[in-house]
N, C-alpha and C. Protein backbone atom coordinates (compact mmCIF):
# COMPACT_ATOMS: atom_id res chain seq x y z
N MET A 1 21.03 35.58 76.66
CA MET A 1 21.59 36.78 76.42
C MET A 1 20.44 37.67 77.43
N PHE A 2 21.33 38.64 78.20
CA PHE A 2 20.88 39.49 79.06
C PHE A 2 21.25 41.08 78.45
N PHE A 3 19.93 41.70 78.68
CA PHE A 3 19.72 43.05 78.19
C PHE A 3 19.63 44.12 79.33
N VAL A 4 19.81 45.32 79.28
CA VAL A 4 19.32 46.29 80.24
C VAL A 4 18.73 47.48 79.47
N TYR A 5 17.59 47.85 79.60
CA TYR A 5 16.94 48.94 79.08
C TYR A 5 16.35 50.00 79.95
N GLY A 6 16.57 51.13 79.29
CA GLY A 6 16.04 52.32 80.16
C GLY A 6 15.29 53.27 79.31
N THR A 7 15.20 54.57 79.77
CA THR A 7 14.48 55.62 78.75
C THR A 7 14.88 55.86 77.61
N SER A 8 16.07 55.72 77.64
CA SER A 8 16.78 56.04 76.34
C SER A 8 17.08 54.72 75.43
N GLY A 9 17.08 53.80 75.77
CA GLY A 9 16.88 52.67 74.98
C GLY A 9 17.50 51.73 75.44
N GLN A 10 18.29 50.61 74.40
CA GLN A 10 18.98 49.79 74.97
C GLN A 10 20.35 50.01 75.46
N LEU A 11 20.56 49.69 76.80
CA LEU A 11 22.25 50.37 77.27
C LEU A 11 23.01 49.21 77.06
N PHE A 12 22.63 47.84 77.10
CA PHE A 12 23.45 46.60 77.56
C PHE A 12 23.12 45.78 76.79
N ARG A 13 23.97 44.54 76.07
CA ARG A 13 23.70 43.75 75.71
C ARG A 13 24.93 42.54 75.93
N GLY A 14 24.55 41.57 76.57
CA GLY A 14 25.67 40.56 76.95
C GLY A 14 25.49 39.13 77.75
N SER A 15 26.16 39.05 78.46
CA SER A 15 26.25 37.46 79.17
C SER A 15 25.57 37.98 80.74
N MET A 16 25.75 36.63 81.21
CA MET A 16 25.59 37.10 82.70
C MET A 16 26.63 37.64 83.22
N GLU A 17 27.81 37.27 82.95
CA GLU A 17 29.07 37.55 83.81
C GLU A 17 29.18 39.10 83.51
N GLN A 18 29.03 39.40 82.16
CA GLN A 18 29.11 40.89 81.97
C GLN A 18 28.16 41.85 82.51
N LEU A 19 27.00 41.23 82.78
CA LEU A 19 25.92 41.91 83.43
C LEU A 19 26.11 42.47 84.89
N ARG A 20 26.79 41.30 85.28
CA ARG A 20 27.40 41.55 86.60
C ARG A 20 28.22 42.69 87.00
N GLN A 21 28.75 43.14 85.88
CA GLN A 21 29.81 44.24 85.98
C GLN A 21 29.24 45.76 85.64
N ILE A 22 28.23 45.26 85.43
CA ILE A 22 27.36 46.86 85.19
C ILE A 22 26.88 47.54 86.18
N HIS A 23 27.27 48.96 86.59
CA HIS A 23 26.79 49.62 87.36
C HIS A 23 25.58 50.31 87.63
N GLY A 24 24.60 49.96 88.31
CA GLY A 24 23.55 50.68 88.60
C GLY A 24 22.31 49.53 88.45
N VAL A 25 23.09 48.13 88.00
CA VAL A 25 22.07 47.04 88.07
C VAL A 25 22.70 46.14 89.52
N GLY A 26 21.98 46.56 90.60
CA GLY A 26 22.69 46.05 91.85
C GLY A 26 21.16 45.49 92.39
N SER A 27 21.45 45.34 94.03
CA SER A 27 20.38 44.79 94.86
C SER A 27 19.43 45.80 94.98
N LEU A 28 18.12 45.43 94.87
CA LEU A 28 17.14 46.30 95.51
C LEU A 28 17.25 46.11 96.94
N ALA A 29 17.70 47.80 97.23
CA ALA A 29 17.65 47.80 99.09
C ALA A 29 16.20 47.01 99.27
N ARG A 30 -7.55 29.73 97.76
CA ARG A 30 -8.50 28.75 98.92
C ARG A 30 -8.72 27.68 98.42
N ALA A 31 -8.65 26.54 99.15
CA ALA A 31 -8.86 25.12 98.44
C ALA A 31 -10.17 24.94 98.98
N ARG A 32 -10.85 24.23 97.95
CA ARG A 32 -12.34 23.50 98.12
C ARG A 32 -12.31 22.35 98.61
N ARG A 33 -13.19 22.22 99.63
CA ARG A 33 -13.40 20.91 100.27
C ARG A 33 -14.17 20.07 99.66
N SER A 34 -13.85 18.78 99.22
CA SER A 34 -14.81 17.81 98.39
C SER A 34 -15.85 17.49 99.19
N ALA A 35 -17.12 17.04 98.98
CA ALA A 35 -18.22 16.44 99.90
C ALA A 35 -17.76 15.15 100.05
N ALA A 36 -18.19 14.30 101.43
CA ALA A 36 -18.13 13.28 101.79
C ALA A 36 -18.52 12.03 100.57
N VAL A 37 -17.44 11.30 100.62
CA VAL A 37 -17.81 10.48 99.70
C VAL A 37 -18.23 8.75 100.28
N GLY A 38 -19.58 8.35 99.45
CA GLY A 38 -19.95 6.85 100.01
C GLY A 38 -21.06 7.23 101.12
N ARG A 39 -21.15 8.04 101.87
CA ARG A 39 -22.18 8.19 102.65
C ARG A 39 -23.36 9.09 102.77
N ASP A 40 -24.91 9.04 102.55
CA ASP A 40 -25.64 10.10 102.80
C ASP A 40 -26.39 9.78 104.15
N GLY A 41 -26.09 9.65 105.11
CA GLY A 41 -27.00 9.31 106.35
C GLY A 41 -27.43 7.85 106.57
N ARG A 42 -27.74 7.30 105.76
CA ARG A 42 -28.02 5.76 105.92
C ARG A 42 -27.11 4.97 106.43
N ASP A 43 -27.38 3.61 107.00
CA ASP A 43 -26.56 2.81 107.23
C ASP A 43 -25.81 2.34 106.38
N ALA A 44 -24.53 2.09 106.85
CA ALA A 44 -23.76 1.79 105.44
C ALA A 44 -23.91 0.16 105.00
N VAL A 45 -24.66 -0.72 105.44
CA VAL A 45 -25.06 -1.94 105.18
C VAL A 45 -26.22 -1.80 104.14
N GLU A 46 -27.25 -0.77 104.15
CA GLU A 46 -28.35 -0.48 103.67
C GLU A 46 -28.03 0.10 102.28
N GLN A 47 -26.78 1.13 102.31
CA GLN A 47 -26.67 1.71 101.29
C GLN A 47 -25.69 0.95 100.20
N PRO A 48 -26.27 0.56 98.97
CA PRO A 48 -25.79 0.30 97.71
C PRO A 48 -24.54 0.76 97.47
N GLY A 49 -23.74 0.28 97.27
CA GLY A 49 -22.37 0.52 96.96
C GLY A 49 -21.22 0.92 97.97
N SER A 50 -21.72 0.87 99.07
CA SER A 50 -20.92 1.29 100.12
C SER A 50 -19.93 0.42 100.35
N ALA A 51 -18.73 0.84 101.09
CA ALA A 51 -17.76 -0.06 101.43
C ALA A 51 -18.06 -1.49 102.35
N PHE A 52 -18.82 -1.17 102.75
CA PHE A 52 -19.23 -2.52 103.69
C PHE A 52 -19.86 -3.40 103.00
N ALA A 53 -20.73 -2.88 101.86
CA ALA A 53 -21.35 -3.63 100.81
C ALA A 53 -20.55 -4.55 100.01
N VAL A 54 -19.51 -3.66 99.50
CA VAL A 54 -18.41 -4.28 98.79
C VAL A 54 -17.85 -5.51 99.20
N LEU A 55 -17.45 -5.24 100.56
CA LEU A 55 -16.92 -6.44 101.36
C LEU A 55 -17.67 -7.40 101.67
N ALA A 56 -19.00 -7.40 101.98
CA ALA A 56 -19.73 -8.11 102.33
C ALA A 56 -20.47 -9.36 101.10
N GLY A 57 -19.99 -8.78 100.08
CA GLY A 57 -20.20 -9.16 98.61
C GLY A 57 -21.72 -9.26 98.47
N LEU A 58 -22.50 -8.17 99.00
CA LEU A 58 -23.62 -7.48 98.63
C LEU A 58 -23.82 -7.23 96.86
N VAL A 59 -22.61 -6.54 96.50
CA VAL A 59 -22.76 -6.03 95.24
C VAL A 59 -20.92 -6.02 94.63
N ARG A 60 -20.79 -6.26 93.60
CA ARG A 60 -19.71 -6.30 92.81
C ARG A 60 -19.04 -4.87 92.82
N LYS A 61 -17.75 -5.06 92.84
CA LYS A 61 -17.01 -3.90 93.07
C LYS A 61 -17.06 -2.82 91.86
N ASP A 62 -17.10 -3.81 90.54
CA ASP A 62 -17.34 -2.94 89.42
C ASP A 62 -18.64 -1.90 89.48
N ASP A 63 -19.46 -2.82 89.97
CA ASP A 63 -20.94 -1.93 90.06
C ASP A 63 -21.10 -0.70 91.12
N VAL A 64 -19.97 -0.39 91.76
CA VAL A 64 -20.20 0.58 92.82
C VAL A 64 -20.16 2.07 91.86
N PRO A 65 -21.12 3.04 92.13
CA PRO A 65 -20.58 4.30 91.20
C PRO A 65 -19.85 5.12 92.21
N ARG A 66 -19.18 5.82 91.34
CA ARG A 66 -17.91 6.51 91.63
C ARG A 66 -18.14 7.90 91.77
N HIS A 67 -17.66 8.53 92.85
CA HIS A 67 -17.95 9.80 92.96
C HIS A 67 -17.03 10.86 91.76
N PRO A 68 -17.61 11.73 91.25
CA PRO A 68 -16.81 12.59 90.23
C PRO A 68 -15.53 12.71 90.44
N VAL A 69 -15.28 13.43 91.85
CA VAL A 69 -13.90 13.80 92.32
C VAL A 69 -13.21 12.55 92.18
N VAL A 70 -13.55 11.52 92.64
CA VAL A 70 -12.33 10.20 92.51
C VAL A 70 -12.29 9.86 91.34
N ALA A 71 -13.24 9.64 90.62
CA ALA A 71 -13.14 9.35 88.90
C ALA A 71 -12.29 10.12 88.17
N ALA A 72 -12.18 11.49 88.39
CA ALA A 72 -11.56 12.53 88.20
C ALA A 72 -10.00 12.11 88.46
N TYR A 73 -10.02 12.11 89.71
CA TYR A 73 -8.41 11.60 90.01
C TYR A 73 -7.83 10.15 89.55
N SER A 74 -8.74 9.22 89.68
CA SER A 74 -8.13 7.79 88.92
C SER A 74 -7.63 7.88 87.64
N GLN A 75 -8.58 8.90 86.85
CA GLN A 75 -8.21 8.99 85.51
C GLN A 75 -6.75 9.73 85.36
N THR A 76 -6.60 10.58 86.31
CA THR A 76 -5.08 11.35 86.15
C THR A 76 -4.02 10.40 86.51
N GLN A 77 -4.41 9.17 87.48
CA GLN A 77 -3.28 8.08 87.65
C GLN A 77 -3.35 7.23 86.43
N GLN A 78 -4.36 6.98 85.48
CA GLN A 78 -3.99 6.27 84.31
C GLN A 78 -3.01 6.69 83.12
N VAL A 79 -2.78 7.96 83.28
CA VAL A 79 -2.00 8.84 82.37
C VAL A 79 -0.70 8.36 82.51
N THR A 80 0.11 8.16 81.85
CA THR A 80 1.49 7.96 82.36
C THR A 80 2.20 9.34 81.44
N SER A 81 2.80 10.33 82.59
CA SER A 81 3.30 11.52 82.26
C SER A 81 4.96 11.15 81.79
N GLN A 82 5.27 11.88 80.71
CA GLN A 82 6.39 11.87 80.20
C GLN A 82 7.26 13.08 80.80
N ARG A 83 8.56 12.81 81.53
CA ARG A 83 9.03 14.12 81.69
C ARG A 83 9.89 14.62 80.61
N HIS A 84 10.02 15.91 80.70
CA HIS A 84 10.89 16.67 79.52
C HIS A 84 11.68 17.77 80.15
N PRO A 85 12.97 17.93 79.63
CA PRO A 85 13.74 18.86 80.24
C PRO A 85 13.18 20.83 80.11
N LEU A 86 13.53 21.30 81.17
CA LEU A 86 13.05 22.53 81.19
C LEU A 86 14.68 23.20 81.03
N SER A 87 14.92 24.12 80.32
CA SER A 87 16.06 24.67 80.16
C SER A 87 16.28 26.09 80.15
N THR A 88 15.14 26.76 79.19
CA THR A 88 14.92 27.95 78.86
C THR A 88 14.06 28.93 79.48
N VAL A 89 14.51 30.23 79.37
CA VAL A 89 13.19 31.28 79.85
C VAL A 89 11.80 30.81 79.28
N GLY A 90 12.09 30.55 78.16
CA GLY A 90 10.69 30.47 77.31
C GLY A 90 9.74 29.14 77.63
N ASP A 91 10.54 28.30 78.41
CA ASP A 91 9.97 26.96 78.91
C ASP A 91 9.02 27.40 79.97
N VAL A 92 9.16 28.53 80.77
CA VAL A 92 8.32 28.64 81.78
C VAL A 92 7.70 29.88 82.27
N MET A 93 8.30 30.89 81.20
CA MET A 93 7.79 32.41 81.42
C MET A 93 6.26 32.67 81.33
N SER A 94 5.78 33.64 81.61
CA SER A 94 4.41 33.77 81.52
C SER A 94 4.44 34.51 80.51
N GLN A 95 3.44 34.25 79.25
CA GLN A 95 3.59 34.49 78.17
C GLN A 95 2.75 35.69 77.76
N HIS A 96 1.41 36.27 78.59
CA HIS A 96 1.11 37.48 78.74
C HIS A 96 1.29 38.21 79.49
N PRO A 97 2.13 38.94 79.63
CA PRO A 97 2.87 39.61 80.86
C PRO A 97 1.88 40.91 81.32
N ILE A 98 1.84 41.53 82.02
CA ILE A 98 1.18 42.76 82.71
C ILE A 98 1.87 43.80 82.54
N THR A 99 1.42 44.77 81.84
CA THR A 99 2.85 45.71 81.48
C THR A 99 1.81 47.18 81.96
N LEU A 100 2.58 47.95 82.09
CA LEU A 100 2.05 49.65 82.47
C LEU A 100 2.81 50.81 81.39
N THR A 101 2.06 51.56 81.09
CA THR A 101 2.77 52.43 79.93
C THR A 101 3.36 53.52 80.88
N ASP A 102 4.37 54.03 80.31
CA ASP A 102 5.37 55.22 81.03
C ASP A 102 4.49 56.56 81.11
N SER A 103 3.52 56.49 80.71
CA SER A 103 2.45 57.75 80.73
C SER A 103 1.66 57.79 81.89
N ALA A 104 1.76 56.36 82.55
CA ALA A 104 0.42 56.12 83.76
C ALA A 104 1.14 56.89 84.93
N SER A 105 0.09 56.85 85.97
CA SER A 105 0.55 57.68 87.04
C SER A 105 0.67 56.64 88.41
N VAL A 106 1.46 56.93 89.36
CA VAL A 106 1.36 56.42 90.58
C VAL A 106 0.24 55.53 90.87
N LEU A 107 -0.87 56.06 91.00
CA LEU A 107 -2.20 55.84 91.19
C LEU A 107 -2.39 54.67 90.19
N ASP A 108 -2.25 54.82 89.07
CA ASP A 108 -2.57 53.75 87.99
C ASP A 108 -2.00 52.60 88.28
N GLY A 109 -0.74 52.89 88.55
CA GLY A 109 0.31 51.60 88.85
C GLY A 109 -0.17 50.88 90.21
N TRP A 110 -0.84 51.57 91.42
CA TRP A 110 -1.05 50.85 92.32
C TRP A 110 -2.51 50.09 91.87
N GLN A 111 -3.17 50.59 91.46
CA GLN A 111 -4.65 49.73 90.90
C GLN A 111 -4.33 48.51 90.01
N LEU A 112 -3.37 48.99 89.09
CA LEU A 112 -3.12 47.56 88.55
C LEU A 112 -2.37 46.55 89.10
N LEU A 113 -1.75 46.83 89.95
CA LEU A 113 -0.78 45.68 90.67
C LEU A 113 -1.82 45.09 91.69
N ALA A 114 -2.59 45.96 92.13
CA ALA A 114 -3.78 45.45 93.06
C ALA A 114 -4.74 44.68 92.14
N GLU A 115 -5.26 44.86 91.21
CA GLU A 115 -6.21 44.19 90.41
C GLU A 115 -5.62 43.01 90.09
N LYS A 116 -4.51 42.85 89.36
CA LYS A 116 -4.07 41.86 88.85
C LYS A 116 -3.48 40.83 90.16
N GLY A 117 -3.39 41.30 91.04
CA GLY A 117 -2.45 40.58 92.31
C GLY A 117 -1.02 40.45 92.05
N VAL A 118 -0.28 41.04 91.56
CA VAL A 118 1.03 40.77 91.06
C VAL A 118 1.70 42.05 92.03
N GLY A 119 3.13 41.72 92.06
CA GLY A 119 3.91 42.39 92.82
C GLY A 119 4.94 43.38 92.04
N GLN A 120 4.72 43.20 90.59
CA GLN A 120 5.89 44.03 89.74
C GLN A 120 5.10 44.09 88.45
N ALA A 121 5.35 45.06 87.42
CA ALA A 121 5.01 45.03 86.17
C ALA A 121 5.86 45.95 85.28
N PRO A 122 6.46 45.25 84.01
CA PRO A 122 7.28 46.16 83.39
C PRO A 122 6.57 47.43 82.83
N VAL A 123 7.31 48.26 82.73
CA VAL A 123 6.73 49.66 82.25
C VAL A 123 7.36 49.66 80.76
N VAL A 124 6.58 50.09 79.78
CA VAL A 124 6.77 50.08 78.60
C VAL A 124 6.49 51.69 77.83
N ASP A 125 6.95 51.96 76.69
CA ASP A 125 6.86 53.38 75.99
C ASP A 125 5.50 53.01 74.95
N ALA A 126 5.10 54.04 74.24
CA ALA A 126 4.13 53.81 73.62
C ALA A 126 4.21 53.04 72.37
N ALA A 127 5.28 52.46 72.19
CA ALA A 127 5.60 51.39 71.32
C ALA A 127 5.48 50.19 71.69
N GLY A 128 5.64 49.99 72.94
CA GLY A 128 5.82 48.81 73.87
C GLY A 128 7.27 48.18 74.16
N HIS A 129 8.30 48.97 73.98
CA HIS A 129 9.45 48.82 74.54
C HIS A 129 9.95 49.16 75.87
N LEU A 130 10.42 48.24 76.48
CA LEU A 130 10.70 48.16 78.05
C LEU A 130 11.64 49.38 78.38
N VAL A 131 11.23 50.28 79.42
CA VAL A 131 12.07 51.47 79.71
C VAL A 131 12.15 51.12 81.17
N GLY A 132 11.48 50.52 81.96
CA GLY A 132 11.72 50.26 83.26
C GLY A 132 10.61 49.10 84.10
N LEU A 133 10.72 49.29 85.21
CA LEU A 133 10.01 48.07 85.90
C LEU A 133 9.40 48.37 87.24
N LEU A 134 8.00 48.61 87.57
CA LEU A 134 7.36 49.16 88.95
C LEU A 134 7.30 47.98 89.48
N THR A 135 7.71 48.11 90.95
CA THR A 135 7.59 47.10 92.02
C THR A 135 6.78 47.45 93.10
N ARG A 136 6.02 46.77 93.72
CA ARG A 136 5.18 47.32 94.93
C ARG A 136 6.25 47.73 95.81
N ALA A 137 7.53 46.96 95.96
CA ALA A 137 8.41 47.59 97.06
C ALA A 137 8.96 48.85 96.68
N ASP A 138 8.82 49.10 95.51
CA ASP A 138 9.16 50.69 95.28
C ASP A 138 8.15 51.76 95.74
N LEU A 139 6.83 51.30 95.65
CA LEU A 139 5.67 52.24 95.99
C LEU A 139 5.69 52.38 97.63
N LEU A 140 6.33 51.11 98.25
CA LEU A 140 5.96 51.11 99.57
C LEU A 140 7.56 51.68 100.54
N LYS A 141 8.40 52.22 99.68
CA LYS A 141 9.62 53.08 100.11
C LYS A 141 9.30 54.00 101.16
N PRO A 142 9.66 53.75 102.58
CA PRO A 142 9.43 54.80 103.50
C PRO A 142 9.50 56.22 103.15
N GLU A 143 10.63 56.56 102.91
CA GLU A 143 10.87 57.66 102.37
C GLU A 143 10.30 58.33 101.38
N ARG A 144 9.42 57.59 100.60
CA ARG A 144 8.59 58.02 99.43
C ARG A 144 7.39 58.14 99.73
N LEU A 145 6.68 57.65 100.89
CA LEU A 145 5.21 57.65 101.50
C LEU A 145 5.12 58.71 102.31
N PRO A 146 4.20 59.80 102.10
CA PRO A 146 3.96 60.97 103.16
C PRO A 146 3.66 60.25 104.55
N THR A 147 3.82 60.95 105.54
CA THR A 147 3.38 60.54 106.68
C THR A 147 1.95 60.77 107.41
N ALA A 148 1.55 60.07 108.50
CA ALA A 148 -0.02 60.31 108.81
C ALA A 148 -0.23 61.71 109.00
N GLU A 149 0.95 62.47 109.42
CA GLU A 149 0.95 64.11 109.84
C GLU A 149 0.48 64.79 108.61
N GLN A 150 0.89 64.62 107.47
CA GLN A 150 0.98 65.52 106.30
C GLN A 150 -0.64 65.30 105.90
N GLN A 151 -0.78 66.60 105.08
CA GLN A 151 -1.96 67.06 104.66
C GLN A 151 -2.56 65.81 103.42
N VAL A 152 -3.88 65.72 102.90
CA VAL A 152 -4.26 65.04 101.96
C VAL A 152 -3.49 65.45 100.85
N GLN A 153 -3.11 66.53 100.40
CA GLN A 153 -2.57 66.99 99.34
C GLN A 153 -1.48 66.48 99.08
N ALA A 154 -0.80 66.15 100.20
CA ALA A 154 0.58 65.20 99.88
C ALA A 154 0.42 63.89 99.44
N TRP A 155 -0.57 63.44 99.81
CA TRP A 155 -1.02 61.92 99.05
C TRP A 155 -1.54 62.18 97.66
N GLN A 156 -2.25 63.06 97.53
CA GLN A 156 -2.52 63.49 96.09
C GLN A 156 -1.43 63.67 94.81
N ILE A 157 -0.45 64.52 95.63
CA ILE A 157 0.68 64.54 94.83
C ILE A 157 1.63 63.48 94.37
N LEU A 158 1.50 62.58 95.51
CA LEU A 158 2.33 61.18 95.21
C LEU A 158 1.52 60.52 94.18
N MET A 159 0.28 60.38 94.40
CA MET A 159 -0.60 59.33 93.57
C MET A 159 -0.58 59.94 92.10
N HIS A 160 -0.22 61.40 91.97
CA HIS A 160 -0.64 61.79 90.66
C HIS A 160 0.62 62.03 90.02
N GLN A 161 1.69 61.33 90.70
CA GLN A 161 3.35 61.67 90.12
C GLN A 161 3.36 60.36 88.85
N ASN A 162 4.37 60.34 87.73
CA ASN A 162 4.30 59.76 86.95
C ASN A 162 5.31 58.58 87.27
N VAL A 163 4.78 57.23 86.56
CA VAL A 163 5.64 55.99 87.34
C VAL A 163 6.91 56.22 86.85
N LYS A 164 7.47 56.87 85.72
CA LYS A 164 8.68 57.34 85.44
C LYS A 164 9.65 57.87 86.40
N ASP A 165 8.93 58.45 87.73
CA ASP A 165 9.67 59.20 88.36
C ASP A 165 10.13 58.10 89.55
N ILE A 166 9.25 57.07 89.74
CA ILE A 166 9.87 56.37 91.00
C ILE A 166 10.01 54.55 90.26
N MET A 167 9.56 54.35 89.11
CA MET A 167 10.07 53.12 88.58
C MET A 167 11.80 52.91 88.57
N TRP A 168 12.04 51.63 88.70
CA TRP A 168 13.54 50.81 88.51
C TRP A 168 13.88 50.95 87.05
N THR A 169 14.88 52.06 86.77
CA THR A 169 15.51 52.00 85.72
C THR A 169 16.72 52.39 85.52
N PRO A 170 17.64 52.24 84.78
CA PRO A 170 17.72 51.37 83.82
C PRO A 170 17.29 49.76 84.57
N VAL A 171 16.44 48.92 83.77
CA VAL A 171 16.17 47.55 84.42
C VAL A 171 16.54 46.32 83.43
N PRO A 172 17.25 45.39 84.19
CA PRO A 172 17.74 44.24 83.24
C PRO A 172 16.68 43.50 82.73
N SER A 173 16.78 42.78 81.56
CA SER A 173 15.74 41.87 81.00
C SER A 173 16.46 40.73 80.42
N VAL A 174 15.86 39.78 79.91
CA VAL A 174 16.22 38.59 79.27
C VAL A 174 15.67 38.10 78.03
N GLY A 175 16.34 37.27 77.27
CA GLY A 175 15.56 36.93 76.17
C GLY A 175 15.08 35.84 76.33
N PRO A 176 14.20 35.07 75.76
CA PRO A 176 13.45 33.62 75.54
C PRO A 176 14.44 32.49 76.05
N VAL A 177 15.26 32.42 75.16
CA VAL A 177 16.53 31.59 75.21
C VAL A 177 17.59 31.08 76.42
N ALA A 178 17.60 32.40 77.07
CA ALA A 178 18.47 32.12 78.17
C ALA A 178 18.07 31.30 79.07
N ASP A 179 19.56 30.47 79.50
CA ASP A 179 19.53 29.51 80.26
C ASP A 179 18.66 29.75 81.87
N LEU A 180 18.20 29.19 82.43
CA LEU A 180 17.09 29.40 83.53
C LEU A 180 18.24 29.42 84.85
N ARG A 181 19.04 28.71 84.90
CA ARG A 181 20.07 28.80 86.28
C ARG A 181 20.50 30.13 85.99
N ARG A 182 21.13 30.81 84.82
CA ARG A 182 21.88 32.10 84.89
C ARG A 182 20.70 32.93 84.99
N VAL A 183 19.39 32.68 84.85
CA VAL A 183 18.37 33.89 85.10
C VAL A 183 18.18 33.69 86.70
N ALA A 184 18.35 32.56 87.32
CA ALA A 184 18.01 32.40 88.76
C ALA A 184 19.43 33.24 89.57
N GLN A 185 20.12 32.95 88.82
CA GLN A 185 21.51 33.71 89.50
C GLN A 185 21.58 35.32 89.44
N VAL A 186 20.90 35.86 88.04
CA VAL A 186 20.44 37.33 88.06
C VAL A 186 19.47 37.94 89.32
N LEU A 187 18.34 36.84 89.37
CA LEU A 187 17.59 37.24 90.49
C LEU A 187 18.17 37.26 91.62
N LEU A 188 19.38 36.38 91.85
CA LEU A 188 19.64 36.47 93.33
C LEU A 188 20.32 37.77 93.44
N ASP A 189 21.14 37.95 92.30
CA ASP A 189 22.07 39.41 92.47
C ASP A 189 21.43 40.44 92.75
N THR A 190 20.42 40.75 91.91
CA THR A 190 19.72 41.84 91.85
C THR A 190 18.49 42.12 93.16
N GLY A 191 18.18 40.81 93.69
CA GLY A 191 16.81 41.16 94.63
C GLY A 191 15.66 41.44 93.70
N LEU A 192 15.83 41.14 92.45
CA LEU A 192 14.38 41.19 91.80
C LEU A 192 13.52 39.93 92.04
N PRO A 193 11.91 40.48 91.65
CA PRO A 193 11.16 39.30 91.79
C PRO A 193 11.12 38.63 90.41
N GLY A 194 11.71 39.20 89.55
CA GLY A 194 11.54 38.37 88.13
C GLY A 194 12.29 39.49 87.10
N LEU A 195 12.32 39.32 85.93
CA LEU A 195 12.98 39.51 84.86
C LEU A 195 11.68 40.04 83.48
N PRO A 196 11.72 41.04 82.98
CA PRO A 196 10.82 41.24 81.62
C PRO A 196 11.60 40.28 80.76
N VAL A 197 10.89 39.54 79.77
CA VAL A 197 11.58 38.87 78.78
C VAL A 197 11.10 39.73 77.49
N VAL A 198 12.06 39.73 76.70
CA VAL A 198 12.19 40.66 75.53
C VAL A 198 12.55 40.31 74.23
N ASP A 199 12.00 40.87 72.94
CA ASP A 199 12.71 40.11 71.80
C ASP A 199 14.08 41.13 71.42
N GLU A 200 14.65 40.79 70.25
CA GLU A 200 15.45 41.70 69.86
C GLU A 200 15.19 43.11 69.74
N GLN A 201 14.09 43.57 69.64
CA GLN A 201 13.53 44.87 69.27
C GLN A 201 13.25 45.71 70.85
N GLY A 202 13.55 45.23 71.79
CA GLY A 202 13.50 45.48 73.44
C GLY A 202 11.75 45.40 73.55
N LYS A 203 10.99 44.73 72.61
CA LYS A 203 9.47 44.57 73.03
C LYS A 203 9.26 43.80 73.90
N VAL A 204 8.47 43.96 75.17
CA VAL A 204 8.00 43.09 76.09
C VAL A 204 7.18 41.98 75.57
N ASN A 205 7.59 40.76 75.80
CA ASN A 205 6.77 39.66 75.23
C ASN A 205 6.35 38.59 76.33
N GLY A 206 6.87 38.54 77.52
CA GLY A 206 6.81 37.78 78.67
C GLY A 206 7.52 38.26 79.81
N PHE A 207 7.29 37.47 81.13
CA PHE A 207 7.97 38.03 82.17
C PHE A 207 8.26 36.48 82.93
N VAL A 208 9.22 36.63 83.35
CA VAL A 208 9.98 35.07 84.04
C VAL A 208 10.13 35.48 85.86
N SER A 209 9.28 34.81 86.55
CA SER A 209 9.55 35.13 87.79
C SER A 209 10.01 34.17 88.73
N ARG A 210 10.29 34.31 90.02
CA ARG A 210 10.92 33.28 90.77
C ARG A 210 9.95 32.52 91.14
N THR A 211 8.58 32.72 90.98
CA THR A 211 7.45 31.74 91.16
C THR A 211 7.07 30.82 89.98
N ASP A 212 7.40 31.47 89.13
CA ASP A 212 7.51 30.55 87.56
C ASP A 212 8.51 29.60 87.60
N ILE A 213 9.48 29.76 88.42
CA ILE A 213 10.72 29.08 88.30
C ILE A 213 10.33 27.91 89.02
N LEU A 214 10.05 28.03 90.36
CA LEU A 214 9.74 27.27 91.63
C LEU A 214 8.39 26.49 91.19
N ARG A 215 7.53 26.95 90.65
CA ARG A 215 6.20 26.17 90.00
C ARG A 215 6.61 24.96 88.97
N ALA A 216 7.65 25.35 88.07
CA ALA A 216 7.88 24.36 87.06
C ALA A 216 9.02 23.02 87.75
N VAL A 217 9.63 23.59 89.04
CA VAL A 217 10.41 22.51 89.76
C VAL A 217 9.36 21.72 90.56
N VAL A 218 8.33 21.98 90.91
CA VAL A 218 7.29 20.98 91.75
C VAL A 218 6.24 20.31 91.17
N ASN A 219 6.14 21.18 89.55
CA ASN A 219 4.85 20.60 88.97
C ASN A 219 4.65 19.37 88.85
N ASP A 220 3.29 18.97 88.99
CA ASP A 220 2.92 17.59 88.35
C ASP A 220 2.16 17.36 87.46
N PRO A 221 2.50 16.81 86.56
CA PRO A 221 3.66 15.80 86.50
C PRO A 221 5.00 16.42 86.51
N PRO A 222 5.82 15.29 87.24
CA PRO A 222 7.35 16.25 87.42
C PRO A 222 8.03 16.48 86.16
N LEU A 223 8.75 17.65 86.22
CA LEU A 223 9.50 18.09 85.27
C LEU A 223 10.95 18.01 85.59
N ASP A 224 11.70 17.90 84.62
CA ASP A 224 13.11 17.41 84.70
C ASP A 224 13.73 18.84 84.50
N LEU A 225 14.06 19.64 85.39
CA LEU A 225 14.65 21.06 85.30
C LEU A 225 15.70 21.13 84.47
N TRP A 226 16.90 20.17 84.77
CA TRP A 226 18.18 20.43 83.89
C TRP A 226 18.53 19.25 83.06
N GLY A 227 17.34 18.25 82.89
CA GLY A 227 17.47 17.58 81.48
C GLY A 227 18.72 16.59 81.23
């Protein structure tokens, strides 16, 4: 089930096919290296537990001390992972969504997105109901940003604007039991980076993004998306 919410509440409830007919719901114009294993600068023959010593029969293989990284990897290989099907939004969504209140300023929005390292945040009213979606793309629209020649006051005015002035609304959303393939189609149709996940009252209780879906597809142990 898909929904559309705006500042006046729920505007639509229906299937993906019906959603595609709604006007206004269109397209939006370090890894750490592990330390070397098995060598500490001494000759390999003299080092107990070295690969050379094992091959030469100086020590038993079972007596070789194991590097913590190697041991941890070996343990993961001993676990038999059972595939299970992923089919609904609830299987992959982020359950602790980052939201922004509709009383926040554009500056508040900038700071939240930068602090959390995300590209979008659902905007909610005082009761937690969805009213819009703020994206980094909206903040960076050329026609919205003051030019370099404009005075500092122009930037201050922009930063003190309310997020309701620039957020995307009405905004499509989805329920937790919706089919993932249909959600993927809506993301392609709208160009949105993700959809807020709402309950029957329109309260935001999750967020499903393209990254969530891709992560589920490539996750190890492997997951069967279409089950």
